[in-house]
């Protein structure tokens, strides 16, 4: 699912509190503060440690075949 920034904010405001993990990057601290204000538990992950958590269509296709 792809969301614009505005749609993402609206979604996270109405979503029940949860743990959110995101790659630490230039704007990650801004997003972390915003999501924390909504009541979410945010964790930033060092970029070199993110790869095992990333899932995309290519990964899923390779695992199925």
PDB file of N, CA and C in Angstrom:
ATOM      1  N   UNK A   1       0.848  -1.161   0.000  1.00  0.00           N
ATOM      2  CA  UNK A   1       0.000   0.000   0.000  1.00  0.00           C
ATOM      3  C   UNK A   1       0.901   1.233   0.000  1.00  0.00           C
ATOM      4  N   UNK A   2       0.664   2.136  -0.918  1.00  0.00           N
ATOM      5  CA  UNK A   2       1.406   3.391  -0.961  1.00  0.00           C
ATOM      6  C   UNK A   2       0.507   4.518  -0.479  1.00  0.00           C
ATOM      7  N   UNK A   3       1.065   5.347   0.407  1.00  0.00           N
ATOM      8  CA  UNK A   3       0.332   6.490   0.939  1.00  0.00           C
ATOM      9  C   UNK A   3       1.162   7.752   0.765  1.00  0.00           C
ATOM     10  N   UNK A   4       0.489   8.855   0.547  1.00  0.00           N
ATOM     11  CA  UNK A   4       1.189  10.141   0.549  1.00  0.00           C
ATOM     12  C   UNK A   4       1.485  10.487   2.011  1.00  0.00           C
ATOM     13  N   UNK A   5       2.294  11.498   2.226  1.00  0.00           N
ATOM     14  CA  UNK A   5       2.601  11.908   3.605  1.00  0.00           C
ATOM     15  C   UNK A   5       1.324  12.277   4.363  1.00  0.00           C
ATOM     16  N   UNK A   6       0.466  13.021   3.699  1.00  0.00           N
ATOM     17  CA  UNK A   6      -0.792  13.452   4.323  1.00  0.00           C
ATOM     18  C   UNK A   6      -1.665  12.245   4.669  1.00  0.00           C
ATOM     19  N   UNK A   7      -1.754  11.286   3.753  1.00  0.00           N
ATOM     20  CA  UNK A   7      -2.547  10.077   3.993  1.00  0.00           C
ATOM     21  C   UNK A   7      -1.935   9.240   5.114  1.00  0.00           C
ATOM     22  N   UNK A   8      -0.592   9.169   5.145  1.00  0.00           N
ATOM     23  CA  UNK A   8       0.093   8.407   6.185  1.00  0.00           C
ATOM     24  C   UNK A   8      -0.192   8.997   7.564  1.00  0.00           C
ATOM     25  N   UNK A   9      -0.121  10.319   7.673  1.00  0.00           N
ATOM     26  CA  UNK A   9      -0.416  10.966   8.953  1.00  0.00           C
ATOM     27  C   UNK A   9      -1.851  10.696   9.394  1.00  0.00           C
ATOM     28  N   UNK A  10      -2.794  10.811   8.476  1.00  0.00           N
ATOM     29  CA  UNK A  10      -4.200  10.549   8.809  1.00  0.00           C
ATOM     30  C   UNK A  10      -4.383   9.098   9.237  1.00  0.00           C
ATOM     31  N   UNK A  11      -3.718   8.183   8.543  1.00  0.00           N
ATOM     32  CA  UNK A  11      -3.811   6.761   8.883  1.00  0.00           C
ATOM     33  C   UNK A  11      -3.254   6.501  10.282  1.00  0.00           C
ATOM     34  N   UNK A  12      -2.081   7.054  10.579  1.00  0.00           N
ATOM     35  CA  UNK A  12      -1.446   6.800  11.874  1.00  0.00           C
ATOM     36  C   UNK A  12      -2.182   7.484  13.020  1.00  0.00           C
ATOM     37  N   UNK A  13      -2.878   8.584  12.748  1.00  0.00           N
ATOM     38  CA  UNK A  13      -3.660   9.241  13.795  1.00  0.00           C
ATOM     39  C   UNK A  13      -4.835   8.378  14.224  1.00  0.00           C
ATOM     40  N   UNK A  14      -5.422   7.645  13.288  1.00  0.00           N
ATOM     41  CA  UNK A  14      -6.601   6.837  13.597  1.00  0.00           C
ATOM     42  C   UNK A  14      -6.255   5.390  13.930  1.00  0.00           C
ATOM     43  N   UNK A  15      -5.022   4.975  13.654  1.00  0.00           N
ATOM     44  CA  UNK A  15      -4.603   3.594  13.911  1.00  0.00           C
ATOM     45  C   UNK A  15      -4.394   3.406  15.412  1.00  0.00           C
ATOM     46  N   UNK A  16      -4.784   2.248  15.968  1.00  0.00           N
ATOM     47  CA  UNK A  16      -4.530   2.001  17.391  1.00  0.00           C
ATOM     48  C   UNK A  16      -3.031   2.073  17.689  1.00  0.00           C
ATOM     49  N   UNK A  17      -2.706   2.406  18.912  1.00  0.00           N
ATOM     50  CA  UNK A  17      -1.298   2.502  19.301  1.00  0.00           C
ATOM     51  C   UNK A  17      -0.570   1.206  18.981  1.00  0.00           C
ATOM     52  N   UNK A  18       0.648   1.347  18.459  1.00  0.00           N
ATOM     53  CA  UNK A  18       1.440   0.172  18.103  1.00  0.00           C
ATOM     54  C   UNK A  18       2.919   0.539  18.125  1.00  0.00           C
ATOM     55  N   UNK A  19       3.753  -0.465  17.944  1.00  0.00           N
ATOM     56  CA  UNK A  19       5.189  -0.238  17.829  1.00  0.00           C
ATOM     57  C   UNK A  19       5.510  -0.014  16.362  1.00  0.00           C
ATOM     58  N   UNK A  20       6.249   1.045  16.077  1.00  0.00           N
ATOM     59  CA  UNK A  20       6.633   1.391  14.709  1.00  0.00           C
ATOM     60  C   UNK A  20       8.154   1.370  14.632  1.00  0.00           C
ATOM     61  N   UNK A  21       8.687   0.594  13.700  1.00  0.00           N
ATOM     62  CA  UNK A  21      10.137   0.557  13.482  1.00  0.00           C
ATOM     63  C   UNK A  21      10.426   1.185  12.134  1.00  0.00           C
ATOM     64  N   UNK A  22      11.434   2.051  12.106  1.00  0.00           N
ATOM     65  CA  UNK A  22      11.795   2.682  10.836  1.00  0.00           C
ATOM     66  C   UNK A  22      13.298   2.894  10.774  1.00  0.00           C
ATOM     67  N   UNK A  23      13.776   2.958   9.551  1.00  0.00           N
ATOM     68  CA  UNK A  23      15.200   3.191   9.320  1.00  0.00           C
ATOM     69  C   UNK A  23      15.559   4.611   9.739  1.00  0.00           C
ATOM     70  N   UNK A  24      16.642   4.736  10.497  1.00  0.00           N
ATOM     71  CA  UNK A  24      17.113   6.052  10.910  1.00  0.00           C
ATOM     72  C   UNK A  24      17.708   6.756   9.697  1.00  0.00           C
ATOM     73  N   UNK A  25      17.088   7.860   9.299  1.00  0.00           N
ATOM     74  CA  UNK A  25      17.565   8.636   8.148  1.00  0.00           C
ATOM     75  C   UNK A  25      17.360  10.114   8.471  1.00  0.00           C
ATOM     76  N   UNK A  26      17.533  10.951   7.483  1.00  0.00           N
ATOM     77  CA  UNK A  26      17.479  12.402   7.708  1.00  0.00           C
ATOM     78  C   UNK A  26      16.171  12.876   8.345  1.00  0.00           C
ATOM     79  N   UNK A  27      15.040  12.327   7.923  1.00  0.00           N
ATOM     80  CA  UNK A  27      13.753  12.802   8.446  1.00  0.00           C
ATOM     81  C   UNK A  27      13.141  11.861   9.483  1.00  0.00           C
ATOM     82  N   UNK A  28      13.839  10.809   9.825  1.00  0.00           N
ATOM     83  CA  UNK A  28      13.280   9.812  10.743  1.00  0.00           C
ATOM     84  C   UNK A  28      12.963  10.401  12.116  1.00  0.00           C
ATOM     85  N   UNK A  29      13.799  11.306  12.600  1.00  0.00           N
ATOM     86  CA  UNK A  29      13.549  11.878  13.920  1.00  0.00           C
ATOM     87  C   UNK A  29      12.274  12.722  13.922  1.00  0.00           C
ATOM     88  N   UNK A  30      12.030  13.434  12.837  1.00  0.00           N
ATOM     89  CA  UNK A  30      10.784  14.204  12.714  1.00  0.00           C
ATOM     90  C   UNK A  30       9.579  13.263  12.765  1.00  0.00           C
ATOM     91  N   UNK A  31       9.630  12.179  11.966  1.00  0.00           N
ATOM     92  CA  UNK A  31       8.523  11.226  11.942  1.00  0.00           C
ATOM     93  C   UNK A  31       8.368  10.541  13.298  1.00  0.00           C
ATOM     94  N   UNK A  32       9.481  10.225  13.942  1.00  0.00           N
ATOM     95  CA  UNK A  32       9.421   9.571  15.251  1.00  0.00           C
ATOM     96  C   UNK A  32       8.727  10.470  16.274  1.00  0.00           C
ATOM     97  N   UNK A  33       9.069  11.748  16.280  1.00  0.00           N
ATOM     98  CA  UNK A  33       8.425  12.681  17.210  1.00  0.00           C
ATOM     99  C   UNK A  33       6.938  12.824  16.907  1.00  0.00           C
ATOM    100  N   UNK A  34       6.601  12.889  15.629  1.00  0.00           N
ATOM    101  CA  UNK A  34       5.198  13.024  15.228  1.00  0.00           C
ATOM    102  C   UNK A  34       4.398  11.795  15.639  1.00  0.00           C
ATOM    103  N   UNK A  35       4.928  10.608  15.348  1.00  0.00           N
ATOM    104  CA  UNK A  35       4.207   9.377  15.680  1.00  0.00           C
ATOM    105  C   UNK A  35       4.139   9.154  17.187  1.00  0.00           C
ATOM    106  N   UNK A  36       5.179   9.564  17.911  1.00  0.00           N
ATOM    107  CA  UNK A  36       5.158   9.466  19.371  1.00  0.00           C
ATOM    108  C   UNK A  36       4.059  10.366  19.940  1.00  0.00           C
ATOM    109  N   UNK A  37       3.867  11.526  19.345  1.00  0.00           N
ATOM    110  CA  UNK A  37       2.802  12.435  19.781  1.00  0.00           C
ATOM    111  C   UNK A  37       1.424  11.803  19.584  1.00  0.00           C
ATOM    112  N   UNK A  38       1.300  10.890  18.615  1.00  0.00           N
ATOM    113  CA  UNK A  38       0.038  10.173  18.387  1.00  0.00           C
ATOM    114  C   UNK A  38      -0.127   8.998  19.351  1.00  0.00           C
ATOM    115  N   UNK A  39       0.914   8.713  20.163  1.00  0.00           N
ATOM    116  CA  UNK A  39       0.829   7.628  21.135  1.00  0.00           C
ATOM    117  C   UNK A  39       1.515   6.342  20.720  1.00  0.00           C
ATOM    118  N   UNK A  40       2.182   6.339  19.573  1.00  0.00           N
ATOM    119  CA  UNK A  40       2.860   5.130  19.104  1.00  0.00           C
ATOM    120  C   UNK A  40       4.229   4.995  19.764  1.00  0.00           C
ATOM    121  N   UNK A  41       4.718   3.755  19.840  1.00  0.00           N
ATOM    122  CA  UNK A  41       6.041   3.457  20.372  1.00  0.00           C
ATOM    123  C   UNK A  41       6.979   3.320  19.171  1.00  0.00           C
ATOM    124  N   UNK A  42       7.857   4.293  18.970  1.00  0.00           N
ATOM    125  CA  UNK A  42       8.699   4.331  17.767  1.00  0.00           C
ATOM    126  C   UNK A  42      10.119   3.901  18.098  1.00  0.00           C
ATOM    127  N   UNK A  43      10.675   3.049  17.241  1.00  0.00           N
ATOM    128  CA  UNK A  43      12.057   2.603  17.349  1.00  0.00           C
ATOM    129  C   UNK A  43      12.764   2.892  16.032  1.00  0.00           C
ATOM    130  N   UNK A  44      13.919   3.533  16.113  1.00  0.00           N
ATOM    131  CA  UNK A  44      14.723   3.795  14.921  1.00  0.00           C
ATOM    132  C   UNK A  44      15.802   2.722  14.825  1.00  0.00           C
ATOM    133  N   UNK A  45      15.994   2.207  13.627  1.00  0.00           N
ATOM    134  CA  UNK A  45      16.958   1.134  13.396  1.00  0.00           C
ATOM    135  C   UNK A  45      18.117   1.675  12.570  1.00  0.00           C
ATOM    136  N   UNK A  46      19.330   1.303  12.949  1.00  0.00           N
ATOM    137  CA  UNK A  46      20.526   1.697  12.206  1.00  0.00           C
ATOM    138  C   UNK A  46      20.401   1.179  10.773  1.00  0.00           C
ATOM    139  N   UNK A  47      20.666   2.016   9.761  1.00  0.00           N
ATOM    140  CA  UNK A  47      20.456   1.611   8.365  1.00  0.00           C
ATOM    141  C   UNK A  47      21.091   0.285   7.969  1.00  0.00           C
ATOM    142  N   UNK A  48      22.284  -0.006   8.431  1.00  0.00           N
ATOM    143  CA  UNK A  48      22.924  -1.251   8.006  1.00  0.00           C
ATOM    144  C   UNK A  48      22.264  -2.488   8.618  1.00  0.00           C
ATOM    145  N   UNK A  49      21.401  -2.309   9.608  1.00  0.00           N
ATOM    146  CA  UNK A  49      20.710  -3.440  10.230  1.00  0.00           C
ATOM    147  C   UNK A  49      19.271  -3.606   9.745  1.00  0.00           C
ATOM    148  N   UNK A  50      18.828  -2.767   8.822  1.00  0.00           N
ATOM    149  CA  UNK A  50      17.436  -2.774   8.362  1.00  0.00           C
ATOM    150  C   UNK A  50      17.135  -3.909   7.386  1.00  0.00           C
ATOM    151  N   UNK A  51      18.081  -4.278   6.543  1.00  0.00           N
ATOM    152  CA  UNK A  51      17.835  -5.203   5.438  1.00  0.00           C
ATOM    153  C   UNK A  51      17.072  -6.475   5.835  1.00  0.00           C
ATOM    154  N   UNK A  52      17.383  -7.139   6.949  1.00  0.00           N
ATOM    155  CA  UNK A  52      16.625  -8.357   7.292  1.00  0.00           C
ATOM    156  C   UNK A  52      15.132  -8.123   7.521  1.00  0.00           C
ATOM    157  N   UNK A  53      14.730  -6.899   7.795  1.00  0.00           N
ATOM    158  CA  UNK A  53      13.331  -6.596   8.078  1.00  0.00           C
ATOM    159  C   UNK A  53      12.547  -6.138   6.855  1.00  0.00           C
ATOM    160  N   UNK A  54      13.231  -5.880   5.753  1.00  0.00           N
ATOM    161  CA  UNK A  54      12.585  -5.362   4.547  1.00  0.00           C
ATOM    162  C   UNK A  54      11.976  -6.499   3.748  1.00  0.00           C
ATOM    163  N   UNK A  55      10.710  -6.333   3.398  1.00  0.00           N
ATOM    164  CA  UNK A  55      10.015  -7.303   2.552  1.00  0.00           C
ATOM    165  C   UNK A  55       9.451  -6.548   1.363  1.00  0.00           C
ATOM    166  N   UNK A  56       9.657  -7.095   0.178  1.00  0.00           N
ATOM    167  CA  UNK A  56       9.060  -6.498  -1.009  1.00  0.00           C
ATOM    168  C   UNK A  56       8.599  -7.609  -1.930  1.00  0.00           C
ATOM    169  N   UNK A  57       8.031  -7.255  -3.035  1.00  0.00           N
ATOM    170  CA  UNK A  57       7.477  -8.254  -3.951  1.00  0.00           C
ATOM    171  C   UNK A  57       8.552  -9.198  -4.467  1.00  0.00           C
ATOM    172  N   UNK A  58       9.755  -8.705  -4.731  1.00  0.00           N
ATOM    173  CA  UNK A  58      10.823  -9.560  -5.239  1.00  0.00           C
ATOM    174  C   UNK A  58      11.208 -10.622  -4.219  1.00  0.00           C
ATOM    175  N   UNK A  59      11.289 -10.244  -2.946  1.00  0.00           N
ATOM    176  CA  UNK A  59      11.616 -11.211  -1.902  1.00  0.00           C
ATOM    177  C   UNK A  59      10.546 -12.293  -1.812  1.00  0.00           C
ATOM    178  N   UNK A  60       9.294 -11.877  -1.865  1.00  0.00           N
ATOM    179  CA  UNK A  60       8.197 -12.836  -1.744  1.00  0.00           C
ATOM    180  C   UNK A  60       8.196 -13.811  -2.923  1.00  0.00           C
ATOM    181  N   UNK A  61       8.435 -13.322  -4.131  1.00  0.00           N
ATOM    182  CA  UNK A  61       8.451 -14.186  -5.313  1.00  0.00           C
ATOM    183  C   UNK A  61       9.588 -15.195  -5.225  1.00  0.00           C
ATOM    184  N   UNK A  62      10.738 -14.774  -4.742  1.00  0.00           N
ATOM    185  CA  UNK A  62      11.884 -15.677  -4.623  1.00  0.00           C
ATOM    186  C   UNK A  62      11.623 -16.761  -3.584  1.00  0.00           C
ATOM    187  N   UNK A  63      10.938 -16.436  -2.515  1.00  0.00           N
ATOM    188  CA  UNK A  63      10.661 -17.416  -1.463  1.00  0.00           C
ATOM    189  C   UNK A  63       9.630 -18.446  -1.901  1.00  0.00           C
ATOM    190  N   UNK A  64       8.707 -18.039  -2.745  1.00  0.00           N
ATOM    191  CA  UNK A  64       7.660 -18.950  -3.206  1.00  0.00           C
ATOM    192  C   UNK A  64       8.218 -19.957  -4.193  1.00  0.00           C
ATOM    193  N   UNK A  65       9.121 -19.530  -5.060  1.00  0.00           N
ATOM    194  CA  UNK A  65       9.629 -20.432  -6.103  1.00  0.00           C
ATOM    195  C   UNK A  65      10.685 -21.383  -5.608  1.00  0.00           C
TER     196      UNK A  65
END
